[in-house]
Amino acid sequence: MNSFMADVKRALEKYDIEVLGIKTESYKGKKGVWWIKTPNGKKILKKQSQSEKTLDFIIAGVKHLMRNGVKIPKIIKSKEGNDYVLVDDTCYVLSEAIDGKTLDYSSSKNIERIVGELANFHKSSIGFVPPENCKIRTHLGLWIEKYEKEVDKLKNYYEMEKSQSSHSQFGKIILKEYPYFYNRMDKALKEFKGKPYQRWVDEVKQTGSLCHQDFTAGNLIYTENGDLFVLDTDSLTIDIPLRDIRKILNKIMKRKKKWDIALVKDILLWYQNQYPLESWQWEVLRPTLTYPHLFTGIMSKYYERREKTWTEQKYLSRLKDMIKIERSVDPVIDNFDKVRPL
């Protein structure tokens, strides 16, 4: 038996359930997901990479969201009445498995449903106060510092590329495109330093606000009853809602291979219908879209060789795709006052 399966069995022994079968969904050393067959239907066991203190924060966030109407798979208590169990200082969480299908971005009805649920998620997170003694995960107020560090890092990669006597195809494209993207990064940073971003951060310090960080179609299950369940809450963090809005916009536009101004308008409106934001809050979306997240992501990956299995060709084609998508956002930014809901 694999050593990790022995740990899984030890974790399951701490629950008052009869185990009929165990099937591995995924296993990556520090993290794992298993389907557990029981006489009362399937359950999901997750091995967590977080510490107990971080997990206390996440579970408190999940319970707050559930109390306010967000549908998240119910956590099953251990024999001792705890929300998770420990095996050799590693946390395991057992929860109900949800029957249904995952959504995709193929229809505007689906996108409207996903965006509406994201708005509901953010709205329901208001009032969240982390428990004492937990390890709080937060990105609140840290955007400027994070982006400044990233800009410095990318600038160094650019200068390093410039100093080479010969360049790869990837390097040649970076030399040509970087100045345009540097201007976008610089512009975004200047705008983040304006009042609206800081005002929103200060507001969230008072009211509380959670972001999911991976609110994608694949992490939502649509049931026969028409309920939408949110999965994979392991990355919950405190931040302004734009963190998730930006990520979902990038995800959808990446799939379309370019920014679609009419669809952006619809998405923001669908969100606004569920959770109305003020016009000054929407103003913070402008620098959020101006900052070229997709370009900075692929540039960092290449120079840090983060994707061990990628060939030079894959890096190159990904760079070309990201540049094309990033450049297509210009009309959205240029017409931002007509695109945003207010």
C-alpha atoms as a PDB file:
ATOM      1  CA  MET A   1       0.000   0.000   0.000  1.00  0.00           C
ATOM      2  CA  ASN A   2       1.207   3.511  -0.772  1.00  0.00           C
ATOM      3  CA  SER A   3       2.317   5.269   2.401  1.00  0.00           C
ATOM      4  CA  PHE A   4      -0.121   8.126   1.657  1.00  0.00           C
ATOM      5  CA  MET A   5      -3.008   5.609   1.527  1.00  0.00           C
ATOM      6  CA  ALA A   6      -2.053   4.415   5.010  1.00  0.00           C
ATOM      7  CA  ASP A   7      -2.327   8.062   6.160  1.00  0.00           C
ATOM      8  CA  VAL A   8      -5.706   8.410   4.414  1.00  0.00           C
ATOM      9  CA  LYS A   9      -6.984   5.338   6.297  1.00  0.00           C
ATOM     10  CA  ARG A  10      -5.660   6.716   9.579  1.00  0.00           C
ATOM     11  CA  ALA A  11      -7.498   9.986   8.894  1.00  0.00           C
ATOM     12  CA  LEU A  12     -10.759   8.181   8.056  1.00  0.00           C
ATOM     13  CA  GLU A  13     -10.571   6.125  11.265  1.00  0.00           C
ATOM     14  CA  LYS A  14     -11.111   9.381  13.142  1.00  0.00           C
ATOM     15  CA  TYR A  15     -14.589   9.717  11.581  1.00  0.00           C
ATOM     16  CA  ASP A  16     -17.777   7.890  12.449  1.00  0.00           C
ATOM     17  CA  ILE A  17     -18.318   6.553   8.923  1.00  0.00           C
ATOM     18  CA  GLU A  18     -18.244   3.155   7.273  1.00  0.00           C
ATOM     19  CA  VAL A  19     -15.778   3.195   4.383  1.00  0.00           C
ATOM     20  CA  LEU A  20     -16.727   0.975   1.422  1.00  0.00           C
ATOM     21  CA  GLY A  21     -14.088   2.269  -0.983  1.00  0.00           C
ATOM     22  CA  ILE A  22     -11.427   4.929  -1.554  1.00  0.00           C
ATOM     23  CA  LYS A  23     -10.575   6.427  -4.937  1.00  0.00           C
ATOM     24  CA  THR A  24      -7.757   8.933  -5.505  1.00  0.00           C
ATOM     25  CA  GLU A  25      -8.849  12.032  -7.399  1.00  0.00           C
ATOM     26  CA  SER A  26      -5.469  13.779  -7.176  1.00  0.00           C
ATOM     27  CA  TYR A  27      -2.330  13.562  -5.083  1.00  0.00           C
ATOM     28  CA  LYS A  28       0.565  16.037  -5.096  1.00  0.00           C
ATOM     29  CA  GLY A  29       2.493  15.183  -1.932  1.00  0.00           C
ATOM     30  CA  LYS A  30       1.433  18.099   0.266  1.00  0.00           C
ATOM     31  CA  LYS A  31      -2.117  18.062  -1.092  1.00  0.00           C
ATOM     32  CA  GLY A  32      -4.523  15.303  -2.024  1.00  0.00           C
ATOM     33  CA  VAL A  33      -8.202  14.636  -2.799  1.00  0.00           C
ATOM     34  CA  TRP A  34      -9.976  11.291  -2.391  1.00  0.00           C
ATOM     35  CA  TRP A  35     -13.523  10.095  -3.083  1.00  0.00           C
ATOM     36  CA  ILE A  36     -14.810   8.071  -0.145  1.00  0.00           C
ATOM     37  CA  LYS A  37     -17.639   5.624  -0.786  1.00  0.00           C
ATOM     38  CA  THR A  38     -19.955   5.104   2.209  1.00  0.00           C
ATOM     39  CA  PRO A  39     -23.431   3.564   2.702  1.00  0.00           C
ATOM     40  CA  ASN A  40     -24.691   7.199   2.887  1.00  0.00           C
ATOM     41  CA  GLY A  41     -23.264   8.257  -0.464  1.00  0.00           C
ATOM     42  CA  LYS A  42     -19.905   9.688  -1.454  1.00  0.00           C
ATOM     43  CA  LYS A  43     -17.760  11.973   0.673  1.00  0.00           C
ATOM     44  CA  ILE A  44     -14.615  13.946  -0.206  1.00  0.00           C
ATOM     45  CA  LEU A  45     -11.463  13.789   1.889  1.00  0.00           C
ATOM     46  CA  LYS A  46      -8.876  16.519   1.338  1.00  0.00           C
ATOM     47  CA  LYS A  47      -5.313  16.582   2.581  1.00  0.00           C
ATOM     48  CA  GLN A  48      -4.471  20.205   3.303  1.00  0.00           C
ATOM     49  CA  SER A  49      -1.146  21.927   2.713  1.00  0.00           C
ATOM     50  CA  GLN A  50      -2.055  24.630   5.233  1.00  0.00           C
ATOM     51  CA  SER A  51      -1.151  24.786   8.889  1.00  0.00           C
ATOM     52  CA  GLU A  52      -3.870  24.313  11.525  1.00  0.00           C
ATOM     53  CA  LYS A  53      -3.946  28.070  12.196  1.00  0.00           C
ATOM     54  CA  THR A  54      -4.495  28.903   8.502  1.00  0.00           C
ATOM     55  CA  LEU A  55      -7.152  26.198   8.242  1.00  0.00           C
ATOM     56  CA  ASP A  56      -8.936  27.737  11.248  1.00  0.00           C
ATOM     57  CA  PHE A  57      -9.118  30.990   9.258  1.00  0.00           C
ATOM     58  CA  ILE A  58     -10.419  29.245   6.107  1.00  0.00           C
ATOM     59  CA  ILE A  59     -13.054  27.180   7.939  1.00  0.00           C
ATOM     60  CA  ALA A  60     -14.281  30.264   9.837  1.00  0.00           C
ATOM     61  CA  GLY A  61     -14.614  32.038   6.467  1.00  0.00           C
ATOM     62  CA  VAL A  62     -16.489  29.091   4.958  1.00  0.00           C
ATOM     63  CA  LYS A  63     -18.925  28.974   7.889  1.00  0.00           C
ATOM     64  CA  HIS A  64     -19.538  32.728   7.638  1.00  0.00           C
ATOM     65  CA  LEU A  65     -20.298  32.436   3.916  1.00  0.00           C
ATOM     66  CA  MET A  66     -22.610  29.446   4.464  1.00  0.00           C
ATOM     67  CA  ARG A  67     -24.524  31.277   7.205  1.00  0.00           C
ATOM     68  CA  ASN A  68     -25.107  34.086   4.714  1.00  0.00           C
ATOM     69  CA  GLY A  69     -26.485  31.830   1.992  1.00  0.00           C
ATOM     70  CA  VAL A  70     -23.473  30.692  -0.062  1.00  0.00           C
ATOM     71  CA  LYS A  71     -23.740  26.989  -0.853  1.00  0.00           C
ATOM     72  CA  ILE A  72     -20.517  25.175   0.012  1.00  0.00           C
ATOM     73  CA  PRO A  73     -20.207  21.406   0.647  1.00  0.00           C
ATOM     74  CA  LYS A  74     -20.869  20.705   4.336  1.00  0.00           C
ATOM     75  CA  ILE A  75     -17.863  19.780   6.487  1.00  0.00           C
ATOM     76  CA  ILE A  76     -18.338  16.487   8.366  1.00  0.00           C
ATOM     77  CA  LYS A  77     -17.315  16.526  12.025  1.00  0.00           C
ATOM     78  CA  SER A  78     -14.834  13.979  13.364  1.00  0.00           C
ATOM     79  CA  LYS A  79     -15.684  11.574  16.220  1.00  0.00           C
ATOM     80  CA  GLU A  80     -14.307  14.222  18.576  1.00  0.00           C
ATOM     81  CA  GLY A  81     -16.498  16.916  17.021  1.00  0.00           C
ATOM     82  CA  ASN A  82     -13.715  18.730  15.157  1.00  0.00           C
ATOM     83  CA  ASP A  83     -13.818  20.269  11.656  1.00  0.00           C
ATOM     84  CA  TYR A  84     -10.584  18.528  10.654  1.00  0.00           C
ATOM     85  CA  VAL A  85      -8.330  15.727  11.858  1.00  0.00           C
ATOM     86  CA  LEU A  86      -4.559  15.488  12.180  1.00  0.00           C
ATOM     87  CA  VAL A  87      -2.302  12.720  10.930  1.00  0.00           C
ATOM     88  CA  ASP A  88       1.373  13.393  11.715  1.00  0.00           C
ATOM     89  CA  ASP A  89       0.705  17.155  11.962  1.00  0.00           C
ATOM     90  CA  THR A  90      -1.057  17.220   8.576  1.00  0.00           C
ATOM     91  CA  CYS A  91      -4.693  18.355   8.396  1.00  0.00           C
ATOM     92  CA  TYR A  92      -7.436  16.382   6.641  1.00  0.00           C
ATOM     93  CA  VAL A  93     -10.969  17.682   6.022  1.00  0.00           C
ATOM     94  CA  LEU A  94     -13.925  15.433   5.182  1.00  0.00           C
ATOM     95  CA  SER A  95     -16.954  16.954   3.471  1.00  0.00           C
ATOM     96  CA  GLU A  96     -20.102  15.978   1.606  1.00  0.00           C
ATOM     97  CA  ALA A  97     -19.736  15.335  -2.121  1.00  0.00           C
ATOM     98  CA  ILE A  98     -22.167  17.274  -4.314  1.00  0.00           C
ATOM     99  CA  ASP A  99     -23.949  15.616  -7.213  1.00  0.00           C
ATOM    100  CA  GLY A 100     -24.242  17.799 -10.273  1.00  0.00           C
ATOM    101  CA  LYS A 101     -22.292  19.140 -13.208  1.00  0.00           C
ATOM    102  CA  THR A 102     -19.620  21.789 -13.483  1.00  0.00           C
ATOM    103  CA  LEU A 103     -20.497  24.835 -15.539  1.00  0.00           C
ATOM    104  CA  ASP A 104     -18.480  26.207 -18.437  1.00  0.00           C
ATOM    105  CA  TYR A 105     -18.204  29.566 -20.217  1.00  0.00           C
ATOM    106  CA  SER A 106     -19.853  28.394 -23.435  1.00  0.00           C
ATOM    107  CA  SER A 107     -23.100  30.360 -23.023  1.00  0.00           C
ATOM    108  CA  SER A 108     -23.859  33.852 -21.777  1.00  0.00           C
ATOM    109  CA  LYS A 109     -26.488  32.302 -19.470  1.00  0.00           C
ATOM    110  CA  ASN A 110     -23.761  30.265 -17.768  1.00  0.00           C
ATOM    111  CA  ILE A 111     -21.457  33.266 -17.484  1.00  0.00           C
ATOM    112  CA  GLU A 112     -24.285  35.325 -15.993  1.00  0.00           C
ATOM    113  CA  ARG A 113     -24.935  32.564 -13.448  1.00  0.00           C
ATOM    114  CA  ILE A 114     -21.230  32.331 -12.508  1.00  0.00           C
ATOM    115  CA  VAL A 115     -20.780  36.112 -12.206  1.00  0.00           C
ATOM    116  CA  GLY A 116     -24.019  36.463 -10.228  1.00  0.00           C
ATOM    117  CA  GLU A 117     -22.788  33.825  -7.786  1.00  0.00           C
ATOM    118  CA  LEU A 118     -19.438  35.578  -7.457  1.00  0.00           C
ATOM    119  CA  ALA A 119     -21.268  38.797  -6.536  1.00  0.00           C
ATOM    120  CA  ASN A 120     -23.365  36.848  -4.026  1.00  0.00           C
ATOM    121  CA  PHE A 121     -20.167  35.326  -2.581  1.00  0.00           C
ATOM    122  CA  HIS A 122     -18.610  38.778  -2.057  1.00  0.00           C
ATOM    123  CA  LYS A 123     -21.804  40.244  -0.646  1.00  0.00           C
ATOM    124  CA  SER A 124     -22.151  37.321   1.788  1.00  0.00           C
ATOM    125  CA  SER A 125     -18.586  37.747   2.992  1.00  0.00           C
ATOM    126  CA  ILE A 126     -19.289  41.194   4.454  1.00  0.00           C
ATOM    127  CA  GLY A 127     -19.023  41.208   8.218  1.00  0.00           C
ATOM    128  CA  PHE A 128     -16.482  38.390   8.402  1.00  0.00           C
ATOM    129  CA  VAL A 129     -14.226  38.689  11.431  1.00  0.00           C
ATOM    130  CA  PRO A 130     -11.378  36.151  11.641  1.00  0.00           C
ATOM    131  CA  PRO A 131     -11.271  34.143  14.877  1.00  0.00           C
ATOM    132  CA  GLU A 132      -8.591  34.917  17.453  1.00  0.00           C
ATOM    133  CA  ASN A 133      -5.402  32.847  17.272  1.00  0.00           C
ATOM    134  CA  CYS A 134      -5.857  31.940  13.607  1.00  0.00           C
ATOM    135  CA  LYS A 135      -3.352  32.771  10.876  1.00  0.00           C
ATOM    136  CA  ILE A 136      -5.049  35.382   8.701  1.00  0.00           C
ATOM    137  CA  ARG A 137      -4.515  35.186   4.963  1.00  0.00           C
ATOM    138  CA  THR A 138      -4.784  38.642   3.423  1.00  0.00           C
ATOM    139  CA  HIS A 139      -3.823  40.624   0.317  1.00  0.00           C
ATOM    140  CA  LEU A 140      -5.621  43.723   1.561  1.00  0.00           C
ATOM    141  CA  GLY A 141      -3.730  46.925   0.810  1.00  0.00           C
ATOM    142  CA  LEU A 142      -0.730  45.008  -0.539  1.00  0.00           C
ATOM    143  CA  TRP A 143      -1.276  45.437  -4.281  1.00  0.00           C
ATOM    144  CA  ILE A 144       0.998  48.454  -4.804  1.00  0.00           C
ATOM    145  CA  GLU A 145       3.920  46.853  -2.960  1.00  0.00           C
ATOM    146  CA  LYS A 146       3.438  43.542  -4.819  1.00  0.00           C
ATOM    147  CA  TYR A 147       3.279  45.182  -8.243  1.00  0.00           C
ATOM    148  CA  GLU A 148       6.269  47.432  -7.531  1.00  0.00           C
ATOM    149  CA  LYS A 149       8.354  44.373  -6.656  1.00  0.00           C
ATOM    150  CA  GLU A 150       7.157  42.606  -9.797  1.00  0.00           C
ATOM    151  CA  VAL A 151       7.970  45.613 -12.001  1.00  0.00           C
ATOM    152  CA  ASP A 152      11.507  45.743 -10.547  1.00  0.00           C
ATOM    153  CA  LYS A 153      11.969  42.027 -11.123  1.00  0.00           C
ATOM    154  CA  LEU A 154      10.752  42.177 -14.743  1.00  0.00           C
ATOM    155  CA  LYS A 155      12.879  45.246 -15.405  1.00  0.00           C
ATOM    156  CA  ASN A 156      15.927  43.225 -14.334  1.00  0.00           C
ATOM    157  CA  TYR A 157      14.967  40.374 -16.687  1.00  0.00           C
ATOM    158  CA  TYR A 158      14.534  42.890 -19.509  1.00  0.00           C
ATOM    159  CA  GLU A 159      17.925  44.516 -18.832  1.00  0.00           C
ATOM    160  CA  MET A 160      19.523  41.068 -18.607  1.00  0.00           C
ATOM    161  CA  GLU A 161      17.983  40.123 -21.977  1.00  0.00           C
ATOM    162  CA  LYS A 162      19.157  43.410 -23.493  1.00  0.00           C
ATOM    163  CA  SER A 163      22.735  42.747 -22.397  1.00  0.00           C
ATOM    164  CA  GLN A 164      22.910  39.326 -24.124  1.00  0.00           C
ATOM    165  CA  SER A 165      24.864  39.133 -27.382  1.00  0.00           C
ATOM    166  CA  SER A 166      22.224  36.860 -28.919  1.00  0.00           C
ATOM    167  CA  HIS A 167      18.565  36.289 -28.125  1.00  0.00           C
ATOM    168  CA  SER A 168      16.081  33.444 -28.257  1.00  0.00           C
ATOM    169  CA  GLN A 169      12.833  34.026 -30.179  1.00  0.00           C
ATOM    170  CA  PHE A 170      11.182  34.627 -26.795  1.00  0.00           C
ATOM    171  CA  GLY A 171      13.873  37.174 -25.879  1.00  0.00           C
ATOM    172  CA  LYS A 172      13.477  39.030 -29.177  1.00  0.00           C
ATOM    173  CA  ILE A 173       9.745  39.445 -28.569  1.00  0.00           C
ATOM    174  CA  ILE A 174      10.370  40.640 -24.990  1.00  0.00           C
ATOM    175  CA  LEU A 175      12.805  43.302 -26.268  1.00  0.00           C
ATOM    176  CA  LYS A 176      10.175  44.537 -28.706  1.00  0.00           C
ATOM    177  CA  GLU A 177       7.105  44.388 -26.422  1.00  0.00           C
ATOM    178  CA  TYR A 178       8.422  45.165 -22.951  1.00  0.00           C
ATOM    179  CA  PRO A 179       8.490  48.997 -23.299  1.00  0.00           C
ATOM    180  CA  TYR A 180       4.755  49.059 -24.130  1.00  0.00           C
ATOM    181  CA  PHE A 181       3.920  46.816 -21.176  1.00  0.00           C
ATOM    182  CA  TYR A 182       6.249  48.702 -18.857  1.00  0.00           C
ATOM    183  CA  ASN A 183       4.261  51.867 -19.628  1.00  0.00           C
ATOM    184  CA  ARG A 184       1.053  50.038 -18.760  1.00  0.00           C
ATOM    185  CA  MET A 185       2.514  48.800 -15.457  1.00  0.00           C
ATOM    186  CA  ASP A 186       3.739  52.287 -14.615  1.00  0.00           C
ATOM    187  CA  LYS A 187       0.377  53.862 -15.450  1.00  0.00           C
ATOM    188  CA  ALA A 188      -1.518  51.279 -13.379  1.00  0.00           C
ATOM    189  CA  LEU A 189       0.727  51.815 -10.355  1.00  0.00           C
ATOM    190  CA  LYS A 190       0.231  55.592 -10.494  1.00  0.00           C
ATOM    191  CA  GLU A 191      -3.555  55.091 -10.584  1.00  0.00           C
ATOM    192  CA  PHE A 192      -3.494  52.598  -7.687  1.00  0.00           C
ATOM    193  CA  LYS A 193      -1.831  55.283  -5.607  1.00  0.00           C
ATOM    194  CA  GLY A 194      -4.903  57.474  -6.059  1.00  0.00           C
ATOM    195  CA  LYS A 195      -7.639  57.741  -3.439  1.00  0.00           C
ATOM    196  CA  PRO A 196     -10.204  55.107  -4.536  1.00  0.00           C
ATOM    197  CA  TYR A 197      -8.007  52.016  -3.968  1.00  0.00           C
ATOM    198  CA  GLN A 198      -6.907  53.119  -0.493  1.00  0.00           C
ATOM    199  CA  ARG A 199     -10.456  54.185   0.377  1.00  0.00           C
ATOM    200  CA  TRP A 200     -11.775  50.704  -0.510  1.00  0.00           C
ATOM    201  CA  VAL A 201      -8.983  49.027   1.477  1.00  0.00           C
ATOM    202  CA  ASP A 202      -9.847  51.175   4.520  1.00  0.00           C
ATOM    203  CA  GLU A 203     -13.521  50.316   4.103  1.00  0.00           C
ATOM    204  CA  VAL A 204     -12.852  46.561   3.968  1.00  0.00           C
ATOM    205  CA  LYS A 205     -10.752  46.839   7.146  1.00  0.00           C
ATOM    206  CA  GLN A 206     -13.982  47.938   8.823  1.00  0.00           C
ATOM    207  CA  THR A 207     -16.557  45.759   7.044  1.00  0.00           C
ATOM    208  CA  GLY A 208     -14.667  42.575   6.143  1.00  0.00           C
ATOM    209  CA  SER A 209     -14.534  41.029   2.655  1.00  0.00           C
ATOM    210  CA  LEU A 210     -13.382  37.644   1.382  1.00  0.00           C
ATOM    211  CA  CYS A 211     -12.077  36.639  -2.040  1.00  0.00           C
ATOM    212  CA  HIS A 212     -12.101  33.061  -3.321  1.00  0.00           C
ATOM    213  CA  GLN A 213      -9.045  33.524  -5.617  1.00  0.00           C
ATOM    214  CA  ASP A 214     -10.076  30.733  -8.002  1.00  0.00           C
ATOM    215  CA  PHE A 215     -13.762  31.405  -8.672  1.00  0.00           C
ATOM    216  CA  THR A 216     -13.873  29.553 -11.984  1.00  0.00           C
ATOM    217  CA  ALA A 217     -16.466  27.454 -13.786  1.00  0.00           C
ATOM    218  CA  GLY A 218     -14.596  24.289 -12.792  1.00  0.00           C
ATOM    219  CA  ASN A 219     -14.988  25.127  -9.111  1.00  0.00           C
ATOM    220  CA  LEU A 220     -18.773  25.434  -9.291  1.00  0.00           C
ATOM    221  CA  ILE A 221     -21.240  22.534  -9.265  1.00  0.00           C
ATOM    222  CA  TYR A 222     -24.732  23.044 -10.630  1.00  0.00           C
ATOM    223  CA  THR A 223     -27.248  20.608  -9.132  1.00  0.00           C
ATOM    224  CA  GLU A 224     -30.538  19.298 -10.510  1.00  0.00           C
ATOM    225  CA  ASN A 225     -32.383  21.569  -8.046  1.00  0.00           C
ATOM    226  CA  GLY A 226     -30.731  24.581  -9.671  1.00  0.00           C
ATOM    227  CA  ASP A 227     -28.383  25.224  -6.749  1.00  0.00           C
ATOM    228  CA  LEU A 228     -24.861  26.402  -7.378  1.00  0.00           C
ATOM    229  CA  PHE A 229     -22.230  25.036  -4.988  1.00  0.00           C
ATOM    230  CA  VAL A 230     -18.845  26.703  -4.583  1.00  0.00           C
ATOM    231  CA  LEU A 231     -15.896  24.309  -4.273  1.00  0.00           C
ATOM    232  CA  ASP A 232     -12.203  24.667  -3.470  1.00  0.00           C
ATOM    233  CA  THR A 233     -12.283  27.333  -0.802  1.00  0.00           C
ATOM    234  CA  ASP A 234      -8.698  26.495   0.279  1.00  0.00           C
ATOM    235  CA  SER A 235      -7.342  29.826  -0.989  1.00  0.00           C
ATOM    236  CA  LEU A 236      -9.772  32.170   0.803  1.00  0.00           C
ATOM    237  CA  THR A 237      -8.169  35.521   1.506  1.00  0.00           C
ATOM    238  CA  ILE A 238      -9.188  38.960   2.750  1.00  0.00           C
ATOM    239  CA  ASP A 239      -9.174  41.507  -0.081  1.00  0.00           C
ATOM    240  CA  ILE A 240     -11.327  43.886  -2.081  1.00  0.00           C
ATOM    241  CA  PRO A 241     -13.706  42.023  -4.477  1.00  0.00           C
ATOM    242  CA  LEU A 242     -11.804  43.245  -7.551  1.00  0.00           C
ATOM    243  CA  ARG A 243      -9.223  40.516  -6.966  1.00  0.00           C
ATOM    244  CA  ASP A 244     -11.783  37.898  -8.043  1.00  0.00           C
ATOM    245  CA  ILE A 245     -13.471  40.093 -10.670  1.00  0.00           C
ATOM    246  CA  ARG A 246     -10.140  40.673 -12.451  1.00  0.00           C
ATOM    247  CA  LYS A 247      -9.297  36.956 -12.359  1.00  0.00           C
ATOM    248  CA  ILE A 248     -12.638  35.867 -13.796  1.00  0.00           C
ATOM    249  CA  LEU A 249     -12.457  38.516 -16.553  1.00  0.00           C
ATOM    250  CA  ASN A 250      -8.956  37.343 -17.501  1.00  0.00           C
ATOM    251  CA  LYS A 251     -10.097  33.706 -17.453  1.00  0.00           C
ATOM    252  CA  ILE A 252     -13.049  34.343 -19.783  1.00  0.00           C
ATOM    253  CA  MET A 253     -11.158  36.632 -22.180  1.00  0.00           C
ATOM    254  CA  LYS A 254      -8.263  34.163 -22.326  1.00  0.00           C
ATOM    255  CA  ARG A 255     -10.743  31.518 -23.421  1.00  0.00           C
ATOM    256  CA  LYS A 256     -12.082  33.880 -26.130  1.00  0.00           C
ATOM    257  CA  LYS A 257      -8.475  34.738 -27.100  1.00  0.00           C
ATOM    258  CA  LYS A 258      -9.280  38.469 -26.979  1.00  0.00           C
ATOM    259  CA  TRP A 259     -11.139  41.048 -24.906  1.00  0.00           C
ATOM    260  CA  ASP A 260     -14.787  41.416 -25.885  1.00  0.00           C
ATOM    261  CA  ILE A 261     -15.964  44.876 -24.861  1.00  0.00           C
ATOM    262  CA  ALA A 262     -19.689  43.996 -25.045  1.00  0.00           C
ATOM    263  CA  LEU A 263     -19.199  40.915 -22.873  1.00  0.00           C
ATOM    264  CA  VAL A 264     -17.133  42.875 -20.324  1.00  0.00           C
ATOM    265  CA  LYS A 265     -19.998  45.361 -20.090  1.00  0.00           C
ATOM    266  CA  ASP A 266     -22.489  42.514 -19.544  1.00  0.00           C
ATOM    267  CA  ILE A 267     -20.312  40.820 -16.901  1.00  0.00           C
ATOM    268  CA  LEU A 268     -19.930  44.018 -14.877  1.00  0.00           C
ATOM    269  CA  LEU A 269     -23.665  44.655 -15.116  1.00  0.00           C
ATOM    270  CA  TRP A 270     -24.546  41.095 -14.018  1.00  0.00           C
ATOM    271  CA  TYR A 271     -22.255  41.574 -11.028  1.00  0.00           C
ATOM    272  CA  GLN A 272     -23.704  45.009 -10.257  1.00  0.00           C
ATOM    273  CA  ASN A 273     -27.271  43.621 -10.325  1.00  0.00           C
ATOM    274  CA  GLN A 274     -26.407  41.189  -7.511  1.00  0.00           C
ATOM    275  CA  TYR A 275     -23.995  43.305  -5.498  1.00  0.00           C
ATOM    276  CA  PRO A 276     -24.090  47.007  -6.409  1.00  0.00           C
ATOM    277  CA  LEU A 277     -20.737  48.763  -6.080  1.00  0.00           C
ATOM    278  CA  GLU A 278     -20.248  52.534  -5.988  1.00  0.00           C
ATOM    279  CA  SER A 279     -18.841  54.360  -9.037  1.00  0.00           C
ATOM    280  CA  TRP A 280     -15.581  55.172  -7.181  1.00  0.00           C
ATOM    281  CA  GLN A 281     -15.130  51.442  -6.485  1.00  0.00           C
ATOM    282  CA  TRP A 282     -15.557  50.556 -10.157  1.00  0.00           C
ATOM    283  CA  GLU A 283     -12.930  53.226 -10.871  1.00  0.00           C
ATOM    284  CA  VAL A 284     -10.324  50.922  -9.258  1.00  0.00           C
ATOM    285  CA  LEU A 285     -11.022  48.362 -11.999  1.00  0.00           C
ATOM    286  CA  ARG A 286      -9.363  50.638 -14.566  1.00  0.00           C
ATOM    287  CA  PRO A 287      -5.776  50.241 -13.214  1.00  0.00           C
ATOM    288  CA  THR A 288      -6.550  46.592 -12.386  1.00  0.00           C
ATOM    289  CA  LEU A 289      -7.159  45.932 -16.098  1.00  0.00           C
ATOM    290  CA  THR A 290      -4.352  48.266 -17.190  1.00  0.00           C
ATOM    291  CA  TYR A 291      -1.787  46.225 -15.252  1.00  0.00           C
ATOM    292  CA  PRO A 292      -0.813  43.422 -17.700  1.00  0.00           C
ATOM    293  CA  HIS A 293      -1.195  40.371 -15.438  1.00  0.00           C
ATOM    294  CA  LEU A 294      -1.086  37.838 -18.275  1.00  0.00           C
ATOM    295  CA  PHE A 295       2.088  39.316 -19.777  1.00  0.00           C
ATOM    296  CA  THR A 296       3.890  39.621 -16.428  1.00  0.00           C
ATOM    297  CA  GLY A 297       2.844  36.054 -15.598  1.00  0.00           C
ATOM    298  CA  ILE A 298       4.353  34.456 -18.701  1.00  0.00           C
ATOM    299  CA  MET A 299       7.482  36.646 -18.586  1.00  0.00           C
ATOM    300  CA  SER A 300       8.183  35.632 -14.958  1.00  0.00           C
ATOM    301  CA  LYS A 301       7.501  31.968 -15.738  1.00  0.00           C
ATOM    302  CA  TYR A 302      10.016  31.992 -18.604  1.00  0.00           C
ATOM    303  CA  TYR A 303      12.933  33.687 -16.865  1.00  0.00           C
ATOM    304  CA  GLU A 304      12.369  31.722 -13.659  1.00  0.00           C
ATOM    305  CA  ARG A 305      11.804  28.504 -15.638  1.00  0.00           C
ATOM    306  CA  ARG A 306       8.839  27.745 -13.409  1.00  0.00           C
ATOM    307  CA  GLU A 307       7.165  25.287 -15.787  1.00  0.00           C
ATOM    308  CA  LYS A 308       9.651  22.429 -15.791  1.00  0.00           C
ATOM    309  CA  THR A 309       7.844  20.433 -18.487  1.00  0.00           C
ATOM    310  CA  TRP A 310       7.352  23.307 -20.970  1.00  0.00           C
ATOM    311  CA  THR A 311       9.437  23.387 -24.139  1.00  0.00           C
ATOM    312  CA  GLU A 312      10.886  26.623 -25.539  1.00  0.00           C
ATOM    313  CA  GLN A 313       8.178  26.375 -28.205  1.00  0.00           C
ATOM    314  CA  LYS A 314       5.394  26.215 -25.627  1.00  0.00           C
ATOM    315  CA  TYR A 315       6.746  29.272 -23.791  1.00  0.00           C
ATOM    316  CA  LEU A 316       6.933  31.096 -27.116  1.00  0.00           C
ATOM    317  CA  SER A 317       3.398  30.285 -28.249  1.00  0.00           C
ATOM    318  CA  ARG A 318       2.029  31.153 -24.794  1.00  0.00           C
ATOM    319  CA  LEU A 319       3.838  34.511 -24.884  1.00  0.00           C
ATOM    320  CA  LYS A 320       2.369  35.322 -28.316  1.00  0.00           C
ATOM    321  CA  ASP A 321      -1.138  34.402 -27.107  1.00  0.00           C
ATOM    322  CA  MET A 322      -0.842  36.500 -23.934  1.00  0.00           C
ATOM    323  CA  ILE A 323       0.457  39.548 -25.840  1.00  0.00           C
ATOM    324  CA  LYS A 324      -2.427  39.312 -28.305  1.00  0.00           C
ATOM    325  CA  ILE A 325      -4.980  39.121 -25.483  1.00  0.00           C
ATOM    326  CA  GLU A 326      -3.296  41.893 -23.462  1.00  0.00           C
ATOM    327  CA  ARG A 327      -3.171  44.291 -26.417  1.00  0.00           C
ATOM    328  CA  SER A 328      -6.858  43.676 -27.128  1.00  0.00           C
ATOM    329  CA  VAL A 329      -7.820  45.166 -23.728  1.00  0.00           C
ATOM    330  CA  ASP A 330      -6.917  48.706 -24.905  1.00  0.00           C
ATOM    331  CA  PRO A 331     -10.440  49.544 -26.207  1.00  0.00           C
ATOM    332  CA  VAL A 332     -11.917  48.451 -22.847  1.00  0.00           C
ATOM    333  CA  ILE A 333      -9.570  50.765 -20.955  1.00  0.00           C
ATOM    334  CA  ASP A 334      -9.975  53.636 -23.467  1.00  0.00           C
ATOM    335  CA  ASN A 335     -13.786  53.407 -23.226  1.00  0.00           C
ATOM    336  CA  PHE A 336     -13.867  52.494 -19.562  1.00  0.00           C
ATOM    337  CA  ASP A 337     -16.419  55.162 -18.609  1.00  0.00           C
ATOM    338  CA  LYS A 338     -18.887  53.588 -21.047  1.00  0.00           C
ATOM    339  CA  VAL A 339     -18.046  50.007 -19.993  1.00  0.00           C
ATOM    340  CA  ARG A 340     -18.384  50.258 -16.219  1.00  0.00           C
ATOM    341  CA  PRO A 341     -21.865  50.045 -14.713  1.00  0.00           C
ATOM    342  CA  LEU A 342     -21.953  53.584 -13.270  1.00  0.00           C
END
